Protein backbone atom coordinates (compact mmCIF):
# COMPACT_ATOMS: atom_id res chain seq x y z
CA UNK A 1 0.28 -24.23 51.23
CA UNK A 2 -1.97 -26.99 52.50
CA UNK A 3 -0.45 -26.57 55.97
CA UNK A 4 -1.22 -24.08 58.73
CA UNK A 5 1.72 -21.70 58.96
CA UNK A 6 1.83 -19.59 62.12
CA UNK A 7 5.27 -18.06 61.69
CA UNK A 8 7.95 -17.88 59.04
CA UNK A 9 11.19 -17.04 60.79
CA UNK A 10 13.22 -14.25 59.18
CA UNK A 11 10.95 -14.26 56.13
CA UNK A 12 9.00 -11.06 56.68
CA UNK A 13 9.42 -8.69 53.75
CA UNK A 14 7.72 -5.30 53.50
CA UNK A 15 5.70 -4.82 50.32
CA UNK A 16 4.40 -1.39 49.38
CA UNK A 17 2.67 -2.44 46.19
CA UNK A 18 0.65 -5.49 45.16
CA UNK A 19 1.62 -7.12 41.88
CA UNK A 20 -2.08 -6.99 40.99
CA UNK A 21 -1.67 -3.23 40.56
CA UNK A 22 0.85 -3.91 37.82
CA UNK A 23 -1.42 -6.53 36.24
CA UNK A 24 -4.16 -3.88 36.14
CA UNK A 25 -1.66 -1.51 34.46
CA UNK A 26 -1.88 0.96 37.35
CA UNK A 27 1.86 0.90 38.16
CA UNK A 28 5.06 -0.29 36.45
CA UNK A 29 5.84 -3.93 37.23
CA UNK A 30 9.24 -3.10 38.73
CA UNK A 31 7.54 -1.19 41.56
CA UNK A 32 5.77 -4.37 42.72
CA UNK A 33 8.87 -6.59 42.73
CA UNK A 34 11.48 -6.13 45.45
CA UNK A 35 14.90 -7.63 45.98
CA UNK A 36 14.56 -9.49 49.28
CA UNK A 37 17.87 -11.34 49.44
CA UNK A 38 20.71 -12.59 47.27
CA UNK A 39 19.15 -14.31 44.26
CA UNK A 40 15.66 -13.81 45.69
CA UNK A 41 13.02 -11.36 44.46
CA UNK A 42 9.73 -11.01 46.27
CA UNK A 43 6.22 -9.74 45.60
CA UNK A 44 2.70 -10.17 46.94
CA UNK A 45 -0.52 -10.75 45.01
CA UNK A 46 -3.22 -10.46 47.66
CA UNK A 47 -5.71 -8.82 45.30
CA UNK A 48 -5.36 -11.14 42.30
CA UNK A 49 -8.47 -13.24 42.94
CA UNK A 50 -10.69 -10.20 43.46
CA UNK A 51 -9.25 -8.48 40.41
CA UNK A 52 -9.72 -11.59 38.27
CA UNK A 53 -13.35 -11.97 39.32
CA UNK A 54 -14.04 -8.29 38.57
CA UNK A 55 -12.31 -8.65 35.16
CA UNK A 56 -9.74 -5.94 35.90
CA UNK A 57 -6.63 -7.96 35.01
CA UNK A 58 -5.04 -6.90 31.75
CA UNK A 59 -2.90 -8.93 29.34
CA UNK A 60 -0.18 -9.96 28.92
CA UNK A 61 0.43 -12.54 31.65
CA UNK A 62 3.04 -11.96 34.36
CA UNK A 63 5.69 -14.19 32.76
CA UNK A 64 5.49 -12.23 29.50
CA UNK A 65 5.82 -8.99 31.47
CA UNK A 66 8.84 -10.31 33.37
CA UNK A 67 10.65 -11.08 30.13
CA UNK A 68 10.66 -7.37 29.36
CA UNK A 69 12.51 -6.55 32.59
CA UNK A 70 16.25 -7.01 33.08
CA UNK A 71 15.80 -9.56 35.87
CA UNK A 72 17.55 -12.86 35.26
CA UNK A 73 15.10 -15.29 36.85
CA UNK A 74 15.68 -19.04 36.80
CA UNK A 75 12.50 -19.97 38.64
CA UNK A 76 9.27 -18.20 39.59
CA UNK A 77 7.48 -19.68 42.61
CA UNK A 78 3.82 -18.84 43.22
CA UNK A 79 2.77 -19.87 46.72
CA UNK A 80 -1.00 -20.10 47.11
CA UNK A 81 -3.66 -22.07 48.95
CA UNK A 82 -6.35 -21.19 46.39
CA UNK A 83 -5.02 -22.03 42.91
CA UNK A 84 -7.85 -20.65 40.79
CA UNK A 85 -7.31 -21.63 37.17
CA UNK A 86 -7.95 -18.16 35.76
CA UNK A 87 -5.60 -16.54 38.26
CA UNK A 88 -2.85 -19.05 37.49
CA UNK A 89 -3.19 -18.30 33.79
CA UNK A 90 -2.84 -14.60 34.56
CA UNK A 91 0.56 -15.44 36.01
CA UNK A 92 1.67 -17.82 33.28
CA UNK A 93 0.26 -19.57 30.23
CA UNK A 94 2.08 -22.70 31.34
CA UNK A 95 2.73 -23.52 34.99
CA UNK A 96 3.91 -26.64 36.79
CA UNK A 97 2.04 -27.24 40.06
CA UNK A 98 3.81 -28.58 43.13
CA UNK A 99 1.72 -29.63 46.12
CA UNK A 100 3.29 -28.98 49.54
CA UNK A 101 1.69 -30.88 52.41
CA UNK A 102 2.22 -31.74 56.06
CA UNK A 103 1.74 -35.25 57.52
CA UNK A 104 -1.45 -34.52 59.47
CA UNK A 105 -4.83 -35.69 58.19
CA UNK A 106 -6.26 -32.19 57.62
CA UNK A 107 -3.30 -31.24 55.43
CA UNK A 108 -3.53 -34.49 53.48
CA UNK A 109 -7.23 -33.92 52.84
CA UNK A 110 -6.47 -30.43 51.53
CA UNK A 111 -3.67 -31.88 49.40
CA UNK A 112 -6.15 -34.33 47.85
CA UNK A 113 -8.44 -31.41 46.97
CA UNK A 114 -5.57 -29.68 45.19
CA UNK A 115 -4.57 -32.90 43.42
CA UNK A 116 -8.13 -33.38 42.21
CA UNK A 117 -8.04 -29.92 40.63
CA UNK A 118 -4.55 -30.25 39.16
CA UNK A 119 -5.26 -33.74 37.80
CA UNK A 120 -7.74 -32.26 35.33
CA UNK A 121 -4.86 -30.78 33.36
CA UNK A 122 -1.98 -33.11 34.24
CA UNK A 123 -2.58 -35.41 31.23
CA UNK A 124 -1.53 -38.37 33.36
CA UNK A 125 1.87 -36.88 34.22
CA UNK A 126 3.03 -37.23 37.86
CA UNK A 127 2.34 -34.23 40.11
CA UNK A 128 5.33 -33.31 42.33
CA UNK A 129 4.94 -33.46 46.12
CA UNK A 130 7.02 -31.86 48.90
CA UNK A 131 6.32 -32.94 52.49
CA UNK A 132 6.93 -30.39 55.27
CA UNK A 133 7.00 -31.54 58.91
CA UNK A 134 7.38 -34.80 60.74
CA UNK A 135 10.34 -36.01 62.76
CA UNK A 136 12.56 -37.44 60.02
CA UNK A 137 12.76 -37.92 56.28
CA UNK A 138 11.28 -41.37 56.91
CA UNK A 139 8.10 -39.63 58.07
CA UNK A 140 8.17 -37.61 54.88
CA UNK A 141 8.49 -40.73 52.77
CA UNK A 142 5.64 -42.53 54.58
CA UNK A 143 3.42 -39.44 54.25
CA UNK A 144 4.09 -39.36 50.53
CA UNK A 145 3.31 -43.05 50.16
CA UNK A 146 0.00 -42.56 51.97
CA UNK A 147 -0.92 -39.62 49.76
CA UNK A 148 0.26 -41.38 46.62
CA UNK A 149 -1.87 -44.43 47.35
CA UNK A 150 -4.98 -42.30 47.85
CA UNK A 151 -4.27 -40.24 44.74
CA UNK A 152 -3.77 -43.33 42.60
CA UNK A 153 -6.86 -45.16 43.84
CA UNK A 154 -9.28 -42.22 43.95
CA UNK A 155 -8.01 -39.99 41.13
CA UNK A 156 -5.90 -42.34 39.03
CA UNK A 157 -3.25 -39.64 39.38
CA UNK A 158 0.44 -40.59 39.84
CA UNK A 159 2.65 -38.49 42.10
CA UNK A 160 6.37 -37.73 42.27
CA UNK A 161 8.15 -37.31 45.63
CA UNK A 162 10.49 -34.30 45.45
CA UNK A 163 11.64 -34.38 49.06
CA UNK A 164 11.06 -33.63 52.72
CA UNK A 165 11.64 -30.43 54.74
CA UNK A 166 11.83 -30.28 58.52
CA UNK A 167 9.53 -27.93 60.45
CA UNK A 168 8.76 -27.36 64.12
CA UNK A 169 5.18 -28.06 65.26
CA UNK A 170 3.52 -25.44 67.47
CA UNK A 171 0.16 -25.28 69.24
CA UNK A 172 -2.31 -22.63 68.09
CA UNK A 173 -4.82 -23.35 70.86
CA UNK A 174 -5.86 -20.53 73.21
CA UNK A 175 -8.20 -20.34 76.18
CA UNK A 176 -11.04 -19.23 73.92
CA UNK A 177 -10.27 -21.11 70.74
CA UNK A 178 -9.08 -24.58 69.82
CA UNK A 179 -7.15 -24.02 66.62
CA UNK A 180 -5.39 -26.87 64.80
CA UNK A 181 -1.65 -27.10 65.35
CA UNK A 182 0.60 -25.21 62.99
CA UNK A 183 4.20 -25.32 61.86
CA UNK A 184 7.12 -22.96 62.33
CA UNK A 185 8.58 -23.07 58.84
CA UNK A 186 12.36 -22.62 58.50
CA UNK A 187 13.54 -19.39 56.90
CA UNK A 188 15.21 -21.46 54.17
CA UNK A 189 11.84 -22.81 52.93
CA UNK A 190 11.87 -21.12 49.52
CA UNK A 191 15.57 -21.61 48.90
CA UNK A 192 15.43 -25.29 49.83
CA UNK A 193 12.20 -25.86 47.90
CA UNK A 194 13.74 -24.29 44.81
CA UNK A 195 16.84 -26.42 45.35
CA UNK A 196 14.70 -29.54 45.43
CA UNK A 197 12.86 -28.50 42.28
CA UNK A 198 15.97 -27.59 40.30
CA UNK A 199 18.19 -30.31 41.73
CA UNK A 200 20.72 -27.73 42.98
C-alpha cells in the first residue's frame, strides 16, 4: 500500500509457511494457505522478491496452482508496496492492479510512481483507485480528483475511482525519530476493498 500502516486492528494472522516455499516446490501449496475467517484465506509471500531474483521460483504460476486445489475463490488480492513485474507474473499471468492511496502528499507521490509503472501495460484502460483516510468521502473524492489530474497530465493515464475507506490517523513520531504519520486501518479493510471491487 502507498500508505504508512502502523497497525491493522484484529488482522494479525499467524503464518508458519511462506507461499514462496510452495512456489519453489519445497512444500505443498495447501500448507502455505490458511483459513483466516469466513470466506477469507490468508498467506504471506515475504520471500518472493528474493526468490525471483535468485531464479528459484518454479512454474506454474500461483493462479494455475490454485485451480488444482478445492478452494472456491472468487477473488485473489495481492497486497504489495513493491509490484515487481516478474513477481506479479509469478502470481498470475493476468492481473488487474488497484492503487490504494492516502490523501497526504507522500502517499500521492508514491501512488504516481505505481501508476507510472502500471501505465506501461494498461493499454490506455483506466487504473482503479481506492482512497484510504481523510475525514469524509468528500475528502476521498477530492484526493482522487487531484491524483487523476496529475496522472492524466503527466502520464496520459486515466483513472477510475472505486471508493473511499475511513481510517484513523496516528502519529509515529518519537523523542528520537520524526516518522511520518500513519493510519490505523480498520479490520474490515480487505472485506470492504473486495466489496468495492466486486460491487457486493
